[in-house]
N, C-alpha and C. Protein backbone atom coordinates (compact mmCIF):
# COMPACT_ATOMS: atom_id res chain seq x y z
N UNK A 1 -38.85 0.65 -91.62
CA UNK A 1 -38.85 0.83 -89.96
C UNK A 1 -37.89 2.01 -89.30
N UNK A 2 -36.77 2.21 -90.73
CA UNK A 2 -35.92 3.24 -90.34
C UNK A 2 -36.20 4.58 -90.61
N UNK A 3 -37.36 4.79 -91.21
CA UNK A 3 -38.05 6.04 -91.40
C UNK A 3 -39.10 6.68 -90.43
N UNK A 4 -39.63 5.27 -90.09
CA UNK A 4 -40.34 5.65 -88.82
C UNK A 4 -39.87 5.94 -87.45
N UNK A 5 -38.96 5.48 -87.22
CA UNK A 5 -37.71 5.88 -86.05
C UNK A 5 -37.33 7.18 -86.41
N UNK A 6 -36.72 7.91 -87.56
CA UNK A 6 -36.36 8.91 -87.70
C UNK A 6 -37.67 10.16 -87.93
N UNK A 7 -38.72 9.76 -88.00
CA UNK A 7 -40.03 10.67 -87.80
C UNK A 7 -39.66 10.80 -86.49
N UNK A 8 -39.86 9.62 -85.75
CA UNK A 8 -40.28 9.96 -84.34
C UNK A 8 -39.07 11.26 -83.83
N UNK A 9 -37.97 10.37 -83.83
CA UNK A 9 -37.02 11.68 -83.70
C UNK A 9 -37.21 12.44 -83.78
N UNK A 10 -37.20 12.81 -84.88
CA UNK A 10 -37.56 14.42 -85.79
C UNK A 10 -38.30 15.17 -84.60
N UNK A 11 -39.81 14.06 -84.65
CA UNK A 11 -41.08 14.98 -83.88
C UNK A 11 -40.57 15.17 -82.67
N UNK A 12 -39.45 14.40 -81.88
CA UNK A 12 -39.63 14.65 -80.50
C UNK A 12 -38.54 15.79 -80.31
N UNK A 13 -37.74 15.88 -80.92
CA UNK A 13 -36.60 17.25 -81.29
C UNK A 13 -37.29 18.38 -81.61
N UNK A 14 -38.34 18.50 -82.50
CA UNK A 14 -39.03 19.26 -82.61
C UNK A 14 -40.04 20.00 -81.77
N UNK A 15 -40.41 18.89 -80.99
CA UNK A 15 -41.91 19.36 -80.12
C UNK A 15 -41.14 19.68 -78.64
N UNK A 16 -39.47 19.32 -78.72
CA UNK A 16 -38.96 20.13 -77.39
C UNK A 16 -38.97 21.34 -77.51
N UNK A 17 -39.06 22.07 -78.40
CA UNK A 17 -38.62 23.17 -78.11
C UNK A 17 -39.92 24.19 -77.86
N UNK A 18 -39.75 25.05 -77.69
CA UNK A 18 -41.25 26.12 -77.21
C UNK A 18 -40.94 26.69 -78.54
N UNK A 19 -42.41 27.21 -79.13
CA UNK A 19 -43.01 27.91 -79.76
C UNK A 19 -42.48 28.96 -80.00
N UNK A 20 -42.16 30.17 -80.63
CA UNK A 20 -41.33 31.31 -80.65
C UNK A 20 -42.53 32.36 -81.26
N UNK A 21 -42.89 33.33 -79.67
CA UNK A 21 -44.04 33.85 -79.93
C UNK A 21 -43.69 34.95 -81.21
N UNK A 22 -42.97 35.44 -81.49
CA UNK A 22 -42.49 36.46 -82.46
C UNK A 22 -43.40 35.54 -84.17
N UNK A 23 -42.64 34.38 -84.09
CA UNK A 23 -43.23 33.37 -84.78
C UNK A 23 -44.82 33.40 -85.07
N UNK A 24 -45.07 33.11 -84.14
CA UNK A 24 -46.91 32.89 -83.82
C UNK A 24 -47.38 34.64 -84.11
N UNK A 25 -47.02 35.59 -83.68
CA UNK A 25 -47.55 37.00 -84.30
C UNK A 25 -46.94 37.22 -85.72
N UNK A 26 -45.89 37.02 -85.78
CA UNK A 26 -45.73 36.95 -87.73
C UNK A 26 -46.91 35.82 -88.68
N UNK A 27 -47.40 35.16 -87.92
CA UNK A 27 -48.10 33.84 -88.81
C UNK A 27 -49.92 34.32 -88.80
N UNK A 28 -49.71 35.03 -87.68
CA UNK A 28 -51.56 35.54 -87.24
C UNK A 28 -50.96 36.98 -88.26
N UNK A 29 -50.19 37.29 -88.27
CA UNK A 29 -50.59 38.56 -89.09
C UNK A 29 -51.01 38.38 -90.88
N UNK A 30 -49.62 37.22 -91.27
CA UNK A 30 -50.55 36.36 -92.19
C UNK A 30 -51.24 36.15 -92.82
N UNK A 31 -51.98 35.14 -91.79
CA UNK A 31 -53.22 34.44 -91.80
C UNK A 31 -54.06 35.86 -91.76
N UNK A 32 -54.22 36.21 -91.61
CA UNK A 32 -55.08 37.78 -91.36
C UNK A 32 -55.37 38.56 -92.66
N UNK A 33 -53.76 38.43 -93.47
CA UNK A 33 -53.66 39.03 -94.42
C UNK A 33 -54.67 38.16 -95.46
N UNK A 34 -54.12 37.09 -95.83
CA UNK A 34 -54.53 36.12 -96.30
C UNK A 34 -56.06 36.05 -96.90
N UNK A 35 -56.41 35.84 -95.19
CA UNK A 35 -58.00 35.62 -95.18
C UNK A 35 -59.17 36.72 -95.69
N UNK A 36 -57.81 37.91 -96.10
CA UNK A 36 -59.06 38.97 -96.23
C UNK A 36 -58.79 39.55 -97.61
N UNK A 37 -57.71 38.53 -98.45
CA UNK A 37 -56.94 38.49 -99.62
C UNK A 37 -58.07 38.17 -100.96
N UNK A 38 -58.36 38.96 -101.75
CA UNK A 38 -59.31 38.44 -103.15
C UNK A 38 -58.37 36.76 -103.26
N UNK A 39 -57.78 36.88 -103.69
CA UNK A 39 -56.84 35.29 -104.02
C UNK A 39 -57.49 34.06 -103.41
N UNK A 40 -57.91 34.35 -101.88
CA UNK A 40 -57.77 33.66 -101.06
C UNK A 40 -58.41 32.22 -101.61
N UNK A 41 -59.61 32.35 -102.10
CA UNK A 41 -60.08 30.69 -103.51
C UNK A 41 -59.28 29.96 -103.67
N UNK A 42 -58.24 30.69 -104.78
CA UNK A 42 -57.13 30.51 -105.38
C UNK A 42 -56.27 29.88 -104.69
N UNK A 43 -55.57 30.54 -103.91
CA UNK A 43 -54.38 29.92 -102.98
C UNK A 43 -54.72 29.35 -101.39
N UNK A 44 -55.66 29.37 -101.36
CA UNK A 44 -56.27 29.03 -100.05
C UNK A 44 -55.22 29.87 -98.79
N UNK A 45 -55.04 29.63 -97.57
CA UNK A 45 -54.64 30.22 -96.42
C UNK A 45 -53.15 29.25 -95.32
N UNK A 46 -52.37 29.12 -95.94
CA UNK A 46 -51.53 28.03 -95.77
C UNK A 46 -51.32 28.44 -94.23
N UNK A 47 -50.90 30.03 -94.48
CA UNK A 47 -50.33 30.78 -92.93
C UNK A 47 -51.49 30.41 -92.12
N UNK A 48 -52.77 29.94 -92.21
CA UNK A 48 -53.79 29.66 -91.21
C UNK A 48 -53.97 28.38 -90.60
N UNK A 49 -53.14 27.50 -91.76
CA UNK A 49 -53.10 26.30 -91.38
C UNK A 49 -51.66 25.82 -90.39
N UNK A 50 -50.50 26.61 -91.08
CA UNK A 50 -49.25 26.35 -90.22
C UNK A 50 -49.35 27.04 -88.83
N UNK A 51 -50.46 28.30 -88.61
CA UNK A 51 -50.83 29.02 -86.93
C UNK A 51 -51.44 28.07 -86.34
N UNK A 52 -52.45 27.06 -87.15
CA UNK A 52 -53.26 25.83 -86.53
C UNK A 52 -52.33 24.92 -85.61
N UNK A 53 -51.32 24.09 -86.37
CA UNK A 53 -50.41 23.36 -86.19
C UNK A 53 -49.37 24.52 -84.98
N UNK A 54 -49.30 25.23 -84.90
CA UNK A 54 -48.45 26.30 -84.23
C UNK A 54 -49.31 26.05 -82.47
N UNK A 55 -50.53 26.10 -82.86
CA UNK A 55 -50.71 26.55 -81.25
C UNK A 55 -51.27 24.84 -81.48
N UNK A 56 -51.40 23.93 -81.99
CA UNK A 56 -51.66 22.58 -81.32
C UNK A 56 -50.01 22.25 -80.60
N UNK A 57 -49.02 22.28 -81.47
CA UNK A 57 -47.82 22.50 -80.58
C UNK A 57 -47.76 22.88 -79.19
N UNK A 58 -48.35 24.17 -79.36
CA UNK A 58 -48.58 24.85 -77.88
C UNK A 58 -49.15 24.31 -76.87
N UNK A 59 -50.67 23.79 -77.09
CA UNK A 59 -51.05 23.02 -76.44
C UNK A 59 -50.44 21.61 -75.67
N UNK A 60 -49.98 20.80 -77.02
CA UNK A 60 -49.13 19.45 -76.65
C UNK A 60 -47.59 20.05 -75.77
N UNK A 61 -46.90 21.07 -75.71
CA UNK A 61 -45.93 21.25 -74.83
C UNK A 61 -46.86 21.77 -73.43
N UNK A 62 -48.04 22.51 -73.37
CA UNK A 62 -48.56 23.05 -72.25
C UNK A 62 -48.76 21.58 -71.51
N UNK A 63 -49.40 20.93 -72.41
CA UNK A 63 -49.63 19.47 -71.49
C UNK A 63 -48.82 18.75 -71.06
N UNK A 64 -47.47 18.74 -71.92
CA UNK A 64 -46.70 17.50 -71.33
C UNK A 64 -45.90 18.42 -69.81
N UNK A 65 -45.36 19.82 -70.04
CA UNK A 65 -45.41 20.74 -68.87
C UNK A 65 -46.64 20.11 -67.46
N UNK A 66 -47.60 20.23 -67.49
CA UNK A 66 -48.99 19.76 -66.92
C UNK A 66 -48.14 18.71 -66.29
N UNK A 67 -48.41 17.67 -67.21
CA UNK A 67 -47.87 16.56 -66.75
C UNK A 67 -46.63 16.02 -65.89
N UNK A 68 -45.53 17.03 -66.61
CA UNK A 68 -44.60 16.67 -65.38
C UNK A 68 -44.27 17.43 -64.33
N UNK A 69 -45.06 18.76 -64.13
CA UNK A 69 -45.02 19.33 -62.82
C UNK A 69 -46.52 18.13 -62.19
N UNK A 70 -47.06 17.42 -62.50
CA UNK A 70 -47.88 16.83 -61.90
C UNK A 70 -47.03 15.62 -60.98
N UNK A 71 -46.63 15.12 -62.19
CA UNK A 71 -45.18 13.81 -61.85
C UNK A 71 -44.29 14.19 -60.76
N UNK A 72 -43.81 15.27 -61.07
CA UNK A 72 -42.90 15.37 -59.74
C UNK A 72 -43.42 16.26 -58.21
N UNK A 73 -44.50 16.42 -58.26
CA UNK A 73 -45.98 17.06 -57.10
C UNK A 73 -45.91 15.51 -56.16
N UNK A 74 -46.06 15.05 -56.92
CA UNK A 74 -46.93 13.74 -56.74
C UNK A 74 -45.44 12.38 -56.24
N UNK A 75 -44.27 12.77 -57.17
CA UNK A 75 -42.93 12.43 -56.60
C UNK A 75 -42.63 12.82 -54.51
N UNK A 76 -43.01 14.08 -54.77
CA UNK A 76 -42.59 14.94 -53.44
C UNK A 76 -43.43 14.50 -52.57
N UNK A 77 -44.42 14.24 -52.69
CA UNK A 77 -45.76 13.85 -51.84
C UNK A 77 -45.05 12.48 -51.23
N UNK A 78 -44.91 11.44 -52.05
CA UNK A 78 -44.34 10.05 -52.24
C UNK A 78 -42.81 10.06 -51.42
N UNK A 79 -41.97 11.02 -51.15
CA UNK A 79 -40.90 11.14 -50.87
C UNK A 79 -41.05 12.09 -49.38
N UNK A 80 -42.09 12.20 -48.75
CA UNK A 80 -42.74 12.54 -47.55
C UNK A 80 -41.31 11.66 -46.31
N UNK A 81 -40.62 12.85 -45.51
CA UNK A 81 -39.72 11.62 -44.50
C UNK A 81 -40.90 11.09 -43.34
N UNK A 82 -41.01 9.80 -43.15
CA UNK A 82 -41.79 8.71 -42.70
C UNK A 82 -41.71 9.37 -41.28
N UNK A 83 -40.24 9.78 -40.84
CA UNK A 83 -39.96 10.10 -39.48
C UNK A 83 -40.80 11.66 -38.96
N UNK A 84 -41.37 12.27 -39.72
CA UNK A 84 -42.44 13.10 -39.17
C UNK A 84 -43.41 12.64 -38.68
N UNK A 85 -44.25 12.00 -40.04
CA UNK A 85 -45.07 11.26 -39.53
C UNK A 85 -45.27 10.50 -38.34
N UNK A 86 -44.12 9.50 -38.49
CA UNK A 86 -44.05 8.75 -36.98
C UNK A 86 -44.23 9.64 -36.17
N UNK A 87 -43.44 10.73 -35.73
CA UNK A 87 -43.84 11.70 -34.41
C UNK A 87 -44.71 12.62 -33.93
N UNK A 88 -45.51 12.34 -35.52
CA UNK A 88 -47.14 13.43 -34.50
C UNK A 88 -47.80 12.22 -34.29
N UNK A 89 -47.14 11.18 -34.92
CA UNK A 89 -48.45 9.89 -33.88
C UNK A 89 -48.25 9.79 -32.76
N UNK A 90 -46.53 9.61 -32.67
CA UNK A 90 -46.09 9.54 -31.03
C UNK A 90 -46.76 10.86 -30.22
N UNK A 91 -46.55 11.52 -30.96
CA UNK A 91 -46.84 12.76 -30.12
C UNK A 91 -48.58 12.59 -29.56
N UNK A 92 -49.31 12.44 -30.56
CA UNK A 92 -50.88 12.44 -30.36
C UNK A 92 -51.34 11.14 -29.15
N UNK A 93 -50.19 9.94 -29.05
CA UNK A 93 -50.46 9.08 -28.44
C UNK A 93 -49.80 9.42 -26.79
N UNK A 94 -49.15 9.83 -27.03
CA UNK A 94 -48.90 10.54 -25.32
C UNK A 94 -49.66 11.25 -24.62
N UNK A 95 -50.63 11.76 -25.31
CA UNK A 95 -51.62 12.54 -24.72
C UNK A 95 -51.03 14.09 -24.94
N UNK A 96 -52.06 14.87 -24.36
CA UNK A 96 -52.13 16.30 -24.82
C UNK A 96 -51.17 17.45 -24.32
N UNK A 97 -50.34 16.84 -23.08
CA UNK A 97 -49.61 17.46 -22.75
C UNK A 97 -48.26 17.07 -23.55
N UNK A 98 -47.74 16.05 -23.53
CA UNK A 98 -46.70 15.96 -23.82
C UNK A 98 -46.63 15.17 -25.21
N UNK A 99 -45.60 15.54 -25.87
CA UNK A 99 -44.76 14.89 -27.59
C UNK A 99 -44.33 15.94 -28.19
N UNK A 100 -44.19 15.48 -29.39
CA UNK A 100 -43.27 16.70 -30.64
C UNK A 100 -44.64 17.15 -31.45
N UNK A 101 -44.88 18.57 -30.96
CA UNK A 101 -46.40 18.77 -32.15
C UNK A 101 -45.52 20.29 -32.02
N UNK A 102 -46.61 20.84 -33.16
CA UNK A 102 -46.40 22.61 -33.68
C UNK A 102 -46.64 22.84 -32.07
N UNK A 103 -46.12 24.69 -31.86
CA UNK A 103 -46.08 24.93 -30.61
C UNK A 103 -46.46 26.47 -31.22
N UNK A 104 -47.76 27.16 -31.30
CA UNK A 104 -48.29 28.42 -32.08
C UNK A 104 -47.25 29.70 -31.37
N UNK A 105 -46.79 29.42 -29.73
CA UNK A 105 -46.15 30.43 -29.22
C UNK A 105 -45.11 30.75 -29.77
N UNK A 106 -44.17 29.40 -29.71
CA UNK A 106 -42.44 29.35 -30.52
C UNK A 106 -42.30 29.58 -31.67
N UNK A 107 -43.51 29.05 -32.55
CA UNK A 107 -43.44 29.54 -34.09
C UNK A 107 -42.66 28.27 -34.50
N UNK A 108 -42.80 27.11 -34.11
CA UNK A 108 -41.80 25.79 -34.53
C UNK A 108 -42.64 24.75 -33.79
N UNK A 109 -42.14 23.93 -34.57
CA UNK A 109 -42.02 22.33 -33.85
C UNK A 109 -41.22 22.20 -32.24
N UNK A 110 -41.74 21.74 -31.20
CA UNK A 110 -40.77 21.68 -29.77
C UNK A 110 -41.37 20.12 -29.40
N UNK A 111 -40.91 20.15 -28.34
CA UNK A 111 -41.00 18.83 -27.32
C UNK A 111 -41.31 19.47 -26.32
N UNK A 112 -42.26 18.36 -26.03
CA UNK A 112 -43.09 19.36 -25.03
C UNK A 112 -43.62 18.20 -23.67
N UNK A 113 -43.36 19.05 -22.85
CA UNK A 113 -43.56 17.31 -21.42
C UNK A 113 -44.16 17.43 -20.82
N UNK A 114 -44.84 16.54 -19.81
CA UNK A 114 -46.12 16.23 -19.25
C UNK A 114 -47.43 17.34 -19.62
N UNK A 115 -46.72 18.30 -18.62
CA UNK A 115 -47.56 19.33 -17.96
C UNK A 115 -47.65 20.32 -19.51
N UNK A 116 -47.15 20.11 -20.84
CA UNK A 116 -47.55 20.99 -21.64
C UNK A 116 -46.59 21.76 -21.85
N UNK A 117 -45.36 21.90 -21.50
CA UNK A 117 -44.54 23.38 -21.30
C UNK A 117 -43.56 22.86 -22.69
N UNK A 118 -43.25 23.57 -23.46
CA UNK A 118 -42.09 23.18 -24.44
C UNK A 118 -40.52 23.00 -23.71
N UNK A 119 -40.32 22.04 -23.97
CA UNK A 119 -38.69 21.63 -23.45
C UNK A 119 -37.18 21.93 -24.41
N UNK A 120 -37.49 21.59 -25.47
CA UNK A 120 -36.76 22.17 -26.65
C UNK A 120 -37.48 21.94 -27.94
N UNK A 121 -36.80 22.83 -28.68
CA UNK A 121 -37.79 23.51 -30.17
C UNK A 121 -36.48 23.39 -30.78
N UNK A 122 -37.03 22.69 -32.36
CA UNK A 122 -35.91 22.93 -33.27
C UNK A 122 -36.82 23.94 -34.42
């Protein structure tokens, strides 16, 4: 059980670091050299295996980053002030002329009187 926890902690700590692009480039060159080697049947291509693991780690990090960004955007959407939504509903209920709404001439949100003229803008 202790070994399992240690392995998870080790994996979590190594996956949190970004993959160094220079390391990837070095391993790509080494893999290319090993593929063209005469002795690849005898020794295999360990650099290519390592390169595959690096690419997989990059994909996992990218997926984690996308998931984190998505969750943050959902939290921002959920944290929209309800006051603004209520004010827009009130503006629509008060009729065409009055209420709090966007004024294109002013380029900002304004309170309008019954005639539709802006009274105060924010």
